[in-house]
PDB file of N, CA and C in Angstrom:
ATOM      1  N   MET A   1      10.839 -35.805   1.863  1.00  0.00           N
ATOM      2  CA  MET A   1      10.798 -34.163   1.407  1.00  0.00           C
ATOM      3  C   MET A   1      12.341 -33.812   1.571  1.00  0.00           C
ATOM      4  N   THR A   2      12.653 -33.774   0.821  1.00  0.00           N
ATOM      5  CA  THR A   2      14.631 -33.795   0.573  1.00  0.00           C
ATOM      6  C   THR A   2      14.840 -32.305   1.203  1.00  0.00           C
ATOM      7  N   ALA A   3      16.062 -31.985   1.819  1.00  0.00           N
ATOM      8  CA  ALA A   3      16.313 -31.042   2.149  1.00  0.00           C
ATOM      9  C   ALA A   3      16.167 -29.906   1.265  1.00  0.00           C
ATOM     10  N   GLU A   4      16.518 -30.072   0.036  1.00  0.00           N
ATOM     11  CA  GLU A   4      15.963 -28.740  -1.105  1.00  0.00           C
ATOM     12  C   GLU A   4      14.838 -28.715  -0.987  1.00  0.00           C
ATOM     13  N   THR A   5      13.600 -29.323  -1.300  1.00  0.00           N
ATOM     14  CA  THR A   5      12.137 -28.745  -1.192  1.00  0.00           C
ATOM     15  C   THR A   5      12.000 -28.286  -0.010  1.00  0.00           C
ATOM     16  N   HIS A   6      12.359 -29.082   1.097  1.00  0.00           N
ATOM     17  CA  HIS A   6      12.337 -27.954   2.382  1.00  0.00           C
ATOM     18  C   HIS A   6      12.342 -26.653   2.276  1.00  0.00           C
ATOM     19  N   ARG A   7      13.489 -26.645   2.009  1.00  0.00           N
ATOM     20  CA  ARG A   7      14.054 -25.014   1.795  1.00  0.00           C
ATOM     21  C   ARG A   7      13.183 -24.292   1.258  1.00  0.00           C
ATOM     22  N   LYS A   8      12.345 -24.744  -0.129  1.00  0.00           N
ATOM     23  CA  LYS A   8      11.759 -24.202  -0.707  1.00  0.00           C
ATOM     24  C   LYS A   8      10.883 -23.596  -0.408  1.00  0.00           C
ATOM     25  N   PHE A   9       9.948 -24.530   0.283  1.00  0.00           N
ATOM     26  CA  PHE A   9       8.843 -23.840   1.366  1.00  0.00           C
ATOM     27  C   PHE A   9       8.800 -23.204   2.777  1.00  0.00           C
ATOM     28  N   ASP A  10      10.173 -23.318   2.889  1.00  0.00           N
ATOM     29  CA  ASP A  10      10.302 -22.338   4.316  1.00  0.00           C
ATOM     30  C   ASP A  10       9.872 -20.970   4.468  1.00  0.00           C
ATOM     31  N   VAL A  11       9.326 -20.654   5.270  1.00  0.00           N
ATOM     32  CA  VAL A  11       8.779 -19.226   6.057  1.00  0.00           C
ATOM     33  C   VAL A  11       9.931 -18.424   6.375  1.00  0.00           C
ATOM     34  N   ASP A  12      10.092 -17.274   5.852  1.00  0.00           N
ATOM     35  CA  ASP A  12      10.707 -16.112   6.383  1.00  0.00           C
ATOM     36  C   ASP A  12      10.067 -15.480   7.504  1.00  0.00           C
ATOM     37  N   ARG A  13      10.423 -15.130   8.791  1.00  0.00           N
ATOM     38  CA  ARG A  13       9.585 -14.175   9.495  1.00  0.00           C
ATOM     39  C   ARG A  13      10.035 -13.451   9.364  1.00  0.00           C
ATOM     40  N   SER A  14      10.944 -12.561   8.902  1.00  0.00           N
ATOM     41  CA  SER A  14      11.805 -11.572   9.327  1.00  0.00           C
ATOM     42  C   SER A  14      10.827 -10.491   8.816  1.00  0.00           C
ATOM     43  N   PHE A  15      10.893  -9.432   9.450  1.00  0.00           N
ATOM     44  CA  PHE A  15      10.262  -7.736   9.260  1.00  0.00           C
ATOM     45  C   PHE A  15      11.041  -7.527   7.910  1.00  0.00           C
ATOM     46  N   SER A  16       9.791  -7.511   6.900  1.00  0.00           N
ATOM     47  CA  SER A  16       9.776  -7.119   5.491  1.00  0.00           C
ATOM     48  C   SER A  16      10.200  -5.648   5.515  1.00  0.00           C
ATOM     49  N   ASN A  17       9.806  -4.634   6.633  1.00  0.00           N
ATOM     50  CA  ASN A  17       9.355  -2.892   6.143  1.00  0.00           C
ATOM     51  C   ASN A  17       8.956  -2.794   5.047  1.00  0.00           C
ATOM     52  N   MET A  18       7.841  -3.262   4.203  1.00  0.00           N
ATOM     53  CA  MET A  18       7.218  -3.301   3.510  1.00  0.00           C
ATOM     54  C   MET A  18       5.209  -3.270   3.679  1.00  0.00           C
ATOM     55  N   CYS A  19       4.910  -2.201   2.692  1.00  0.00           N
ATOM     56  CA  CYS A  19       3.500  -2.134   2.514  1.00  0.00           C
ATOM     57  C   CYS A  19       3.478  -1.790   1.689  1.00  0.00           C
ATOM     58  N   GLY A  20       1.944  -1.881   1.034  1.00  0.00           N
ATOM     59  CA  GLY A  20       1.220  -2.224  -0.659  1.00  0.00           C
ATOM     60  C   GLY A  20       0.019  -2.190  -0.747  1.00  0.00           C
ATOM     61  N   VAL A  21      -0.340  -1.933  -1.772  1.00  0.00           N
ATOM     62  CA  VAL A  21      -1.760  -2.374  -2.191  1.00  0.00           C
ATOM     63  C   VAL A  21      -2.161  -2.909  -3.530  1.00  0.00           C
ATOM     64  N   THR A  22      -3.046  -3.451  -3.831  1.00  0.00           N
ATOM     65  CA  THR A  22      -3.514  -4.104  -5.238  1.00  0.00           C
ATOM     66  C   THR A  22      -4.460  -3.621  -5.889  1.00  0.00           C
ATOM     67  N   LEU A  23      -4.220  -2.594  -6.920  1.00  0.00           N
ATOM     68  CA  LEU A  23      -5.023  -1.791  -7.483  1.00  0.00           C
ATOM     69  C   LEU A  23      -5.284  -2.172  -9.025  1.00  0.00           C
ATOM     70  N   MET A  24      -7.377  -1.879  -9.534  1.00  0.00           N
ATOM     71  CA  MET A  24      -7.758  -2.875 -10.325  1.00  0.00           C
ATOM     72  C   MET A  24      -6.819  -1.965 -11.694  1.00  0.00           C
ATOM     73  N   ASN A  25      -6.624  -2.786 -12.412  1.00  0.00           N
ATOM     74  CA  ASN A  25      -5.749  -1.951 -14.162  1.00  0.00           C
ATOM     75  C   ASN A  25      -6.846  -1.794 -14.880  1.00  0.00           C
ATOM     76  N   ASN A  26      -7.465  -0.310 -14.429  1.00  0.00           N
ATOM     77  CA  ASN A  26      -8.143   0.164 -15.477  1.00  0.00           C
ATOM     78  C   ASN A  26      -7.691   2.029 -15.493  1.00  0.00           C
ATOM     79  N   GLN A  27      -8.630   2.460 -16.085  1.00  0.00           N
ATOM     80  CA  GLN A  27      -7.773   3.819 -16.402  1.00  0.00           C
ATOM     81  C   GLN A  27      -7.316   4.509 -15.552  1.00  0.00           C
ATOM     82  N   ASN A  28      -8.630   4.573 -13.686  1.00  0.00           N
ATOM     83  CA  ASN A  28      -8.181   4.767 -13.158  1.00  0.00           C
ATOM     84  C   ASN A  28      -6.986   4.617 -12.032  1.00  0.00           C
ATOM     85  N   GLY A  29      -6.943   2.894 -11.721  1.00  0.00           N
ATOM     86  CA  GLY A  29      -5.897   2.365 -11.264  1.00  0.00           C
ATOM     87  C   GLY A  29      -4.560   2.274 -11.863  1.00  0.00           C
ATOM     88  N   TYR A  30      -4.640   2.919 -13.127  1.00  0.00           N
ATOM     89  CA  TYR A  30      -2.931   2.948 -14.161  1.00  0.00           C
ATOM     90  C   TYR A  30      -2.747   4.348 -13.515  1.00  0.00           C
ATOM     91  N   VAL A  31      -3.520   5.537 -13.710  1.00  0.00           N
ATOM     92  CA  VAL A  31      -3.087   7.299 -13.335  1.00  0.00           C
ATOM     93  C   VAL A  31      -2.714   7.049 -11.545  1.00  0.00           C
ATOM     94  N   VAL A  32      -3.228   6.342 -10.866  1.00  0.00           N
ATOM     95  CA  VAL A  32      -2.917   6.395  -9.704  1.00  0.00           C
ATOM     96  C   VAL A  32      -1.400   5.415  -9.746  1.00  0.00           C
ATOM     97  N   ALA A  33      -1.268   4.259 -10.277  1.00  0.00           N
ATOM     98  CA  ALA A  33       0.233   3.832 -10.345  1.00  0.00           C
ATOM     99  C   ALA A  33       1.207   4.729 -10.857  1.00  0.00           C
ATOM    100  N   GLU A  34       0.572   5.386 -11.909  1.00  0.00           N
ATOM    101  CA  GLU A  34       1.953   6.200 -12.567  1.00  0.00           C
ATOM    102  C   GLU A  34       2.167   7.211 -11.558  1.00  0.00           C
ATOM    103  N   VAL A  35       1.084   7.975 -10.736  1.00  0.00           N
ATOM    104  CA  VAL A  35       1.814   9.163  -9.797  1.00  0.00           C
ATOM    105  C   VAL A  35       2.416   8.432  -8.791  1.00  0.00           C
ATOM    106  N   MET A  36       2.318   7.464  -8.688  1.00  0.00           N
ATOM    107  CA  MET A  36       2.745   6.302  -7.189  1.00  0.00           C
ATOM    108  C   MET A  36       4.438   6.005  -7.653  1.00  0.00           C
ATOM    109  N   ARG A  37       4.300   5.856  -8.904  1.00  0.00           N
ATOM    110  CA  ARG A  37       5.478   5.062  -9.889  1.00  0.00           C
ATOM    111  C   ARG A  37       6.814   6.192  -9.745  1.00  0.00           C
ATOM    112  N   THR A  38       6.308   7.437  -9.473  1.00  0.00           N
ATOM    113  CA  THR A  38       7.453   8.519  -9.161  1.00  0.00           C
ATOM    114  C   THR A  38       8.133   9.268  -7.955  1.00  0.00           C
ATOM    115  N   LYS A  39       7.440   7.847  -7.424  1.00  0.00           N
ATOM    116  CA  LYS A  39       7.916   8.430  -5.561  1.00  0.00           C
ATOM    117  C   LYS A  39       9.216   7.468  -5.414  1.00  0.00           C
ATOM    118  N   PRO A  40       9.835   7.883  -4.563  1.00  0.00           N
ATOM    119  CA  PRO A  40      10.934   7.247  -4.079  1.00  0.00           C
ATOM    120  C   PRO A  40      10.733   6.281  -3.106  1.00  0.00           C
ATOM    121  N   GLY A  41      11.017   5.066  -3.480  1.00  0.00           N
ATOM    122  CA  GLY A  41      10.951   3.659  -2.305  1.00  0.00           C
ATOM    123  C   GLY A  41       9.840   3.155  -2.697  1.00  0.00           C
ATOM    124  N   VAL A  42       9.237   2.905  -3.753  1.00  0.00           N
ATOM    125  CA  VAL A  42       7.669   2.989  -4.550  1.00  0.00           C
ATOM    126  C   VAL A  42       8.292   1.437  -5.705  1.00  0.00           C
ATOM    127  N   SER A  43       7.642   0.596  -5.589  1.00  0.00           N
ATOM    128  CA  SER A  43       7.270  -0.226  -6.837  1.00  0.00           C
ATOM    129  C   SER A  43       6.325  -0.639  -7.689  1.00  0.00           C
ATOM    130  N   VAL A  44       6.331  -0.618  -8.798  1.00  0.00           N
ATOM    131  CA  VAL A  44       4.783  -0.720  -9.083  1.00  0.00           C
ATOM    132  C   VAL A  44       4.941  -1.862 -10.353  1.00  0.00           C
ATOM    133  N   GLU A  45       3.636  -2.728 -10.102  1.00  0.00           N
ATOM    134  CA  GLU A  45       3.980  -3.887 -11.158  1.00  0.00           C
ATOM    135  C   GLU A  45       2.730  -3.916 -11.738  1.00  0.00           C
ATOM    136  N   GLU A  46       2.687  -4.199 -13.275  1.00  0.00           N
ATOM    137  CA  GLU A  46       1.231  -4.444 -14.119  1.00  0.00           C
ATOM    138  C   GLU A  46       0.838  -5.579 -13.913  1.00  0.00           C
ATOM    139  N   PHE A  47      -0.356  -6.105 -14.290  1.00  0.00           N
ATOM    140  CA  PHE A  47      -0.438  -7.344 -14.129  1.00  0.00           C
ATOM    141  C   PHE A  47      -1.502  -7.504 -15.362  1.00  0.00           C
ATOM    142  N   PRO A  48      -2.443  -8.155 -15.892  1.00  0.00           N
ATOM    143  CA  PRO A  48      -3.630  -8.096 -17.247  1.00  0.00           C
ATOM    144  C   PRO A  48      -4.917  -7.714 -16.081  1.00  0.00           C
ATOM    145  N   SER A  49      -5.264  -7.735 -14.961  1.00  0.00           N
ATOM    146  CA  SER A  49      -6.065  -7.299 -14.176  1.00  0.00           C
ATOM    147  C   SER A  49      -5.764  -6.726 -13.101  1.00  0.00           C
ATOM    148  N   MET A  50      -4.329  -6.547 -12.536  1.00  0.00           N
ATOM    149  CA  MET A  50      -3.984  -5.798 -11.243  1.00  0.00           C
ATOM    150  C   MET A  50      -2.935  -5.163 -11.471  1.00  0.00           C
ATOM    151  N   ILE A  51      -2.497  -3.750 -10.284  1.00  0.00           N
ATOM    152  CA  ILE A  51      -1.754  -3.283 -10.114  1.00  0.00           C
ATOM    153  C   ILE A  51      -1.049  -3.421  -9.085  1.00  0.00           C
ATOM    154  N   ARG A  52       0.406  -3.712  -8.699  1.00  0.00           N
ATOM    155  CA  ARG A  52       0.670  -4.103  -7.803  1.00  0.00           C
ATOM    156  C   ARG A  52       1.325  -2.739  -7.143  1.00  0.00           C
ATOM    157  N   VAL A  53       1.070  -1.726  -5.926  1.00  0.00           N
ATOM    158  CA  VAL A  53       2.010  -0.765  -5.952  1.00  0.00           C
ATOM    159  C   VAL A  53       2.554  -1.372  -4.461  1.00  0.00           C
ATOM    160  N   ASP A  54       3.872  -1.499  -3.797  1.00  0.00           N
ATOM    161  CA  ASP A  54       4.572  -2.037  -2.892  1.00  0.00           C
ATOM    162  C   ASP A  54       5.217  -0.936  -2.567  1.00  0.00           C
ATOM    163  N   GLY A  55       5.808  -0.233  -1.269  1.00  0.00           N
ATOM    164  CA  GLY A  55       6.503   0.532  -0.849  1.00  0.00           C
ATOM    165  C   GLY A  55       7.183   0.264  -0.071  1.00  0.00           C
ATOM    166  N   LYS A  56       8.722   0.722   0.981  1.00  0.00           N
ATOM    167  CA  LYS A  56       9.505   0.540   2.163  1.00  0.00           C
ATOM    168  C   LYS A  56       9.100   1.685   3.153  1.00  0.00           C
ATOM    169  N   GLY A  57       8.484   1.344   4.057  1.00  0.00           N
ATOM    170  CA  GLY A  57       8.431   1.796   5.129  1.00  0.00           C
ATOM    171  C   GLY A  57       6.701   2.579   5.256  1.00  0.00           C
ATOM    172  N   SER A  58       6.835   2.962   4.157  1.00  0.00           N
ATOM    173  CA  SER A  58       5.004   3.859   4.100  1.00  0.00           C
ATOM    174  C   SER A  58       5.041   3.979   2.367  1.00  0.00           C
ATOM    175  N   LEU A  59       3.487   4.601   2.391  1.00  0.00           N
ATOM    176  CA  LEU A  59       3.414   4.871   1.120  1.00  0.00           C
ATOM    177  C   LEU A  59       2.139   5.906   1.420  1.00  0.00           C
ATOM    178  N   LEU A  60       1.917   6.785   0.973  1.00  0.00           N
ATOM    179  CA  LEU A  60       1.350   8.152   0.770  1.00  0.00           C
ATOM    180  C   LEU A  60       0.200   8.023  -0.813  1.00  0.00           C
ATOM    181  N   PHE A  61      -0.940   7.841  -0.629  1.00  0.00           N
ATOM    182  CA  PHE A  61      -1.422   8.061  -1.851  1.00  0.00           C
ATOM    183  C   PHE A  61      -2.337   9.880  -1.547  1.00  0.00           C
ATOM    184  N   ASP A  62      -1.911  10.785  -1.868  1.00  0.00           N
ATOM    185  CA  ASP A  62      -2.183  12.361  -1.902  1.00  0.00           C
ATOM    186  C   ASP A  62      -3.101  12.306  -2.702  1.00  0.00           C
ATOM    187  N   PHE A  63      -4.679  12.534  -2.612  1.00  0.00           N
ATOM    188  CA  PHE A  63      -5.740  13.034  -3.310  1.00  0.00           C
ATOM    189  C   PHE A  63      -5.569  14.321  -4.180  1.00  0.00           C
ATOM    190  N   ALA A  64      -5.080  14.990  -3.733  1.00  0.00           N
ATOM    191  CA  ALA A  64      -4.771  16.270  -4.188  1.00  0.00           C
ATOM    192  C   ALA A  64      -4.054  16.352  -6.019  1.00  0.00           C
ATOM    193  N   GLU A  65      -3.082  15.297  -5.314  1.00  0.00           N
ATOM    194  CA  GLU A  65      -1.829  14.722  -6.217  1.00  0.00           C
ATOM    195  C   GLU A  65      -2.470  14.214  -7.482  1.00  0.00           C
ATOM    196  N   ILE A  66      -3.278  12.928  -7.030  1.00  0.00           N
ATOM    197  CA  ILE A  66      -4.321  12.351  -7.873  1.00  0.00           C
ATOM    198  C   ILE A  66      -5.105  13.013  -8.617  1.00  0.00           C
ATOM    199  N   THR A  67      -5.738  13.686  -8.123  1.00  0.00           N
ATOM    200  CA  THR A  67      -6.898  14.372  -8.529  1.00  0.00           C
ATOM    201  C   THR A  67      -5.904  15.625  -9.553  1.00  0.00           C
ATOM    202  N   GLU A  68      -4.790  16.021  -9.417  1.00  0.00           N
ATOM    203  CA  GLU A  68      -4.388  16.833 -10.550  1.00  0.00           C
ATOM    204  C   GLU A  68      -4.160  15.739 -11.539  1.00  0.00           C
ATOM    205  N   ALA A  69      -3.459  14.398 -11.658  1.00  0.00           N
ATOM    206  CA  ALA A  69      -3.404  13.686 -12.675  1.00  0.00           C
ATOM    207  C   ALA A  69      -4.249  12.892 -13.445  1.00  0.00           C
ATOM    208  N   ILE A  70      -5.101  12.978 -12.668  1.00  0.00           N
ATOM    209  CA  ILE A  70      -6.582  12.363 -13.303  1.00  0.00           C
ATOM    210  C   ILE A  70      -7.509  13.147 -13.220  1.00  0.00           C
ATOM    211  N   GLY A  71      -7.840  14.369 -13.463  1.00  0.00           N
ATOM    212  CA  GLY A  71      -8.292  15.633 -14.109  1.00  0.00           C
ATOM    213  C   GLY A  71     -10.292  15.926 -13.232  1.00  0.00           C
ATOM    214  N   TYR A  72     -10.206  14.853 -12.369  1.00  0.00           N
ATOM    215  CA  TYR A  72     -11.151  15.233 -12.020  1.00  0.00           C
ATOM    216  C   TYR A  72     -11.095  15.116 -10.350  1.00  0.00           C
ATOM    217  N   GLU A  73     -11.715  15.154  -9.618  1.00  0.00           N
ATOM    218  CA  GLU A  73     -11.956  15.159  -7.997  1.00  0.00           C
ATOM    219  C   GLU A  73     -11.832  13.931  -7.564  1.00  0.00           C
ATOM    220  N   PHE A  74     -10.548  13.508  -7.209  1.00  0.00           N
ATOM    221  CA  PHE A  74     -10.417  12.202  -6.491  1.00  0.00           C
ATOM    222  C   PHE A  74     -10.554  11.944  -5.112  1.00  0.00           C
ATOM    223  N   ASP A  75     -11.294  10.960  -4.487  1.00  0.00           N
ATOM    224  CA  ASP A  75     -11.615  11.000  -2.876  1.00  0.00           C
ATOM    225  C   ASP A  75     -11.167   9.811  -2.941  1.00  0.00           C
ATOM    226  N   GLN A  76     -11.496  10.024  -1.186  1.00  0.00           N
ATOM    227  CA  GLN A  76     -11.647   8.343  -0.672  1.00  0.00           C
ATOM    228  C   GLN A  76     -12.545   7.157  -1.271  1.00  0.00           C
ATOM    229  N   THR A  77     -13.379   7.389  -1.582  1.00  0.00           N
ATOM    230  CA  THR A  77     -14.020   6.544  -2.287  1.00  0.00           C
ATOM    231  C   THR A  77     -14.071   6.331  -3.556  1.00  0.00           C
ATOM    232  N   ASP A  78     -13.453   6.814  -4.444  1.00  0.00           N
ATOM    233  CA  ASP A  78     -12.475   6.597  -5.395  1.00  0.00           C
ATOM    234  C   ASP A  78     -11.485   5.746  -5.401  1.00  0.00           C
ATOM    235  N   PHE A  79     -10.688   5.947  -4.108  1.00  0.00           N
ATOM    236  CA  PHE A  79      -9.764   5.134  -3.933  1.00  0.00           C
ATOM    237  C   PHE A  79      -9.824   3.791  -3.558  1.00  0.00           C
ATOM    238  N   GLU A  80     -10.921   3.867  -2.686  1.00  0.00           N
ATOM    239  CA  GLU A  80     -11.494   2.309  -2.359  1.00  0.00           C
ATOM    240  C   GLU A  80     -12.509   1.613  -3.334  1.00  0.00           C
ATOM    241  N   GLU A  81     -12.604   2.075  -4.331  1.00  0.00           N
ATOM    242  CA  GLU A  81     -12.923   1.577  -5.627  1.00  0.00           C
ATOM    243  C   GLU A  81     -12.430   1.164  -6.185  1.00  0.00           C
ATOM    244  N   ILE A  82     -10.835   1.204  -6.813  1.00  0.00           N
ATOM    245  CA  ILE A  82     -10.056   0.550  -7.679  1.00  0.00           C
ATOM    246  C   ILE A  82      -8.889  -0.333  -6.306  1.00  0.00           C
ATOM    247  N   MET A  83      -9.247  -0.047  -5.227  1.00  0.00           N
ATOM    248  CA  MET A  83      -8.168  -0.995  -4.323  1.00  0.00           C
ATOM    249  C   MET A  83      -8.986  -2.136  -3.628  1.00  0.00           C
ATOM    250  N   SER A  84      -8.236  -3.718  -3.964  1.00  0.00           N
ATOM    251  CA  SER A  84      -8.763  -4.464  -3.901  1.00  0.00           C
ATOM    252  C   SER A  84      -8.376  -5.248  -2.315  1.00  0.00           C
ATOM    253  N   THR A  85      -6.977  -5.140  -2.078  1.00  0.00           N
ATOM    254  CA  THR A  85      -6.641  -5.389  -1.116  1.00  0.00           C
ATOM    255  C   THR A  85      -5.246  -4.838  -1.097  1.00  0.00           C
ATOM    256  N   HIS A  86      -4.773  -4.817   0.461  1.00  0.00           N
ATOM    257  CA  HIS A  86      -3.135  -4.054   0.727  1.00  0.00           C
ATOM    258  C   HIS A  86      -3.190  -4.667   2.097  1.00  0.00           C
ATOM    259  N   TYR A  87      -1.697  -4.516   2.207  1.00  0.00           N
ATOM    260  CA  TYR A  87      -1.096  -5.091   3.145  1.00  0.00           C
ATOM    261  C   TYR A  87       0.094  -3.840   4.314  1.00  0.00           C
ATOM    262  N   GLY A  88      -0.106  -3.951   5.309  1.00  0.00           N
ATOM    263  CA  GLY A  88       0.144  -2.976   6.255  1.00  0.00           C
ATOM    264  C   GLY A  88      -0.589  -2.629   6.983  1.00  0.00           C
ATOM    265  N   ARG A  89      -0.885  -0.955   7.711  1.00  0.00           N
ATOM    266  CA  ARG A  89      -1.683  -0.518   8.236  1.00  0.00           C
ATOM    267  C   ARG A  89      -1.847   0.722   7.496  1.00  0.00           C
ATOM    268  N   MET A  90      -2.819   0.566   7.308  1.00  0.00           N
ATOM    269  CA  MET A  90      -3.839   1.337   6.219  1.00  0.00           C
ATOM    270  C   MET A  90      -4.724   2.789   7.387  1.00  0.00           C
ATOM    271  N   VAL A  91      -4.271   3.815   7.164  1.00  0.00           N
ATOM    272  CA  VAL A  91      -5.086   5.214   7.529  1.00  0.00           C
ATOM    273  C   VAL A  91      -5.396   6.006   6.627  1.00  0.00           C
ATOM    274  N   HIS A  92      -6.997   6.265   7.008  1.00  0.00           N
ATOM    275  CA  HIS A  92      -7.233   7.039   6.038  1.00  0.00           C
ATOM    276  C   HIS A  92      -7.791   8.557   6.364  1.00  0.00           C
ATOM    277  N   PHE A  93      -7.319   9.646   5.643  1.00  0.00           N
ATOM    278  CA  PHE A  93      -7.630  11.117   6.213  1.00  0.00           C
ATOM    279  C   PHE A  93      -8.417  11.542   5.065  1.00  0.00           C
ATOM    280  N   ASP A  94      -9.195  12.595   5.339  1.00  0.00           N
ATOM    281  CA  ASP A  94     -10.085  13.585   3.972  1.00  0.00           C
ATOM    282  C   ASP A  94      -8.891  13.454   3.200  1.00  0.00           C
ATOM    283  N   ASP A  95      -7.863  13.589   2.845  1.00  0.00           N
ATOM    284  CA  ASP A  95      -7.414  14.346   1.832  1.00  0.00           C
ATOM    285  C   ASP A  95      -6.355  13.014   1.545  1.00  0.00           C
ATOM    286  N   LYS A  96      -5.562  12.377   2.400  1.00  0.00           N
ATOM    287  CA  LYS A  96      -5.254  11.557   1.716  1.00  0.00           C
ATOM    288  C   LYS A  96      -5.201   9.636   2.414  1.00  0.00           C
ATOM    289  N   THR A  97      -4.297   8.778   1.966  1.00  0.00           N
ATOM    290  CA  THR A  97      -4.481   7.817   2.298  1.00  0.00           C
ATOM    291  C   THR A  97      -2.930   7.592   2.976  1.00  0.00           C
ATOM    292  N   MET A  98      -2.578   6.691   3.874  1.00  0.00           N
ATOM    293  CA  MET A  98      -1.279   6.325   4.697  1.00  0.00           C
ATOM    294  C   MET A  98      -1.393   4.841   4.590  1.00  0.00           C
ATOM    295  N   LEU A  99      -0.085   4.356   4.435  1.00  0.00           N
ATOM    296  CA  LEU A  99      -0.104   2.955   4.181  1.00  0.00           C
ATOM    297  C   LEU A  99       1.478   2.830   5.342  1.00  0.00           C
ATOM    298  N   PHE A 100       1.344   2.119   6.282  1.00  0.00           N
ATOM    299  CA  PHE A 100       2.574   1.602   6.981  1.00  0.00           C
ATOM    300  C   PHE A 100       3.001   0.230   7.284  1.00  0.00           C
ATOM    301  N   SER A 101       4.568   0.101   7.203  1.00  0.00           N
ATOM    302  CA  SER A 101       4.603  -1.261   7.121  1.00  0.00           C
ATOM    303  C   SER A 101       4.676  -1.920   8.211  1.00  0.00           C
ATOM    304  N   SER A 102       4.673  -0.872   9.953  1.00  0.00           N
ATOM    305  CA  SER A 102       4.928  -1.162  11.404  1.00  0.00           C
ATOM    306  C   SER A 102       3.303  -0.639  11.835  1.00  0.00           C
ATOM    307  N   PRO A 103       3.045  -1.317  12.716  1.00  0.00           N
ATOM    308  CA  PRO A 103       2.192  -0.668  13.528  1.00  0.00           C
ATOM    309  C   PRO A 103       2.864   0.543  14.606  1.00  0.00           C
ATOM    310  N   GLU A 104       3.778   0.345  15.406  1.00  0.00           N
ATOM    311  CA  GLU A 104       4.600   1.301  15.813  1.00  0.00           C
ATOM    312  C   GLU A 104       4.766   2.961  14.821  1.00  0.00           C
ATOM    313  N   GLU A 105       4.767   2.537  13.623  1.00  0.00           N
ATOM    314  CA  GLU A 105       4.710   3.810  12.773  1.00  0.00           C
ATOM    315  C   GLU A 105       3.305   4.567  12.576  1.00  0.00           C
ATOM    316  N   ALA A 106       2.533   3.882  12.413  1.00  0.00           N
ATOM    317  CA  ALA A 106       1.066   3.967  12.678  1.00  0.00           C
ATOM    318  C   ALA A 106       0.388   4.202  13.880  1.00  0.00           C
ATOM    319  N   ALA A 107       1.242   4.172  15.175  1.00  0.00           N
ATOM    320  CA  ALA A 107       0.213   3.979  16.020  1.00  0.00           C
ATOM    321  C   ALA A 107      -0.364   5.390  16.399  1.00  0.00           C
ATOM    322  N   GLU A 108       0.158   6.369  15.932  1.00  0.00           N
ATOM    323  CA  GLU A 108      -0.293   7.662  16.688  1.00  0.00           C
ATOM    324  C   GLU A 108      -1.532   8.413  15.748  1.00  0.00           C
ATOM    325  N   TYR A 109      -1.785   7.634  14.542  1.00  0.00           N
ATOM    326  CA  TYR A 109      -2.778   7.316  13.716  1.00  0.00           C
ATOM    327  C   TYR A 109      -4.012   6.875  14.250  1.00  0.00           C
ATOM    328  N   ILE A 110      -3.916   5.774  14.959  1.00  0.00           N
ATOM    329  CA  ILE A 110      -4.927   4.835  15.191  1.00  0.00           C
ATOM    330  C   ILE A 110      -5.276   4.449  16.575  1.00  0.00           C
ATOM    331  N   ASP A 111      -4.605   4.976  17.276  1.00  0.00           N
ATOM    332  CA  ASP A 111      -4.542   5.028  19.143  1.00  0.00           C
ATOM    333  C   ASP A 111      -4.346   3.671  19.005  1.00  0.00           C
ATOM    334  N   PHE A 112      -3.448   3.174  18.544  1.00  0.00           N
ATOM    335  CA  PHE A 112      -2.894   1.997  18.973  1.00  0.00           C
ATOM    336  C   PHE A 112      -1.689   2.159  19.852  1.00  0.00           C
ATOM    337  N   ASP A 113      -2.092   1.744  21.392  1.00  0.00           N
ATOM    338  CA  ASP A 113      -1.322   1.873  22.523  1.00  0.00           C
ATOM    339  C   ASP A 113      -0.169   0.667  21.943  1.00  0.00           C
ATOM    340  N   LEU A 114       0.658   0.940  22.434  1.00  0.00           N
ATOM    341  CA  LEU A 114       1.866   0.136  22.126  1.00  0.00           C
ATOM    342  C   LEU A 114       2.595  -0.043  23.613  1.00  0.00           C
ATOM    343  N   GLN A 115       1.820  -0.256  24.835  1.00  0.00           N
ATOM    344  CA  GLN A 115       2.358  -0.281  26.070  1.00  0.00           C
ATOM    345  C   GLN A 115       1.604  -1.638  26.496  1.00  0.00           C
ATOM    346  N   PRO A 116       2.411  -2.682  26.973  1.00  0.00           N
ATOM    347  CA  PRO A 116       1.686  -4.035  27.283  1.00  0.00           C
ATOM    348  C   PRO A 116       0.783  -3.651  28.641  1.00  0.00           C
ATOM    349  N   VAL A 117      -0.126  -4.914  28.364  1.00  0.00           N
ATOM    350  CA  VAL A 117      -1.348  -4.371  29.567  1.00  0.00           C
ATOM    351  C   VAL A 117      -0.665  -5.451  30.610  1.00  0.00           C
ATOM    352  N   GLN A 118      -0.881  -4.697  31.647  1.00  0.00           N
ATOM    353  CA  GLN A 118      -0.207  -5.362  32.682  1.00  0.00           C
ATOM    354  C   GLN A 118      -1.509  -6.540  33.616  1.00  0.00           C
TER     355      GLN A 118
END
């Protein structure tokens, strides 16, 4: 293996500060992606069968905002139906879903104890 080939497959273990979801590329997924596209620090990339929504630090999917854009009541079950994968810590609330890039940011919501066990 050459040095150049070895570098090509190196792993970057640094903290990316990113989180995101993969949505179905259908009518509902497209509307959710369009809502998220307007938010600062969020990137949206469309593919034939999926849409990637990625954010720095955290992402907030506000169901009231999505309901207004989509034209009918949008809730957690609708979100889960169009979402296939995610990365980052996901926290579900009645009216929104949040993703955090680090567990420390999500700790207060998921009862994550940041103290080491003695």
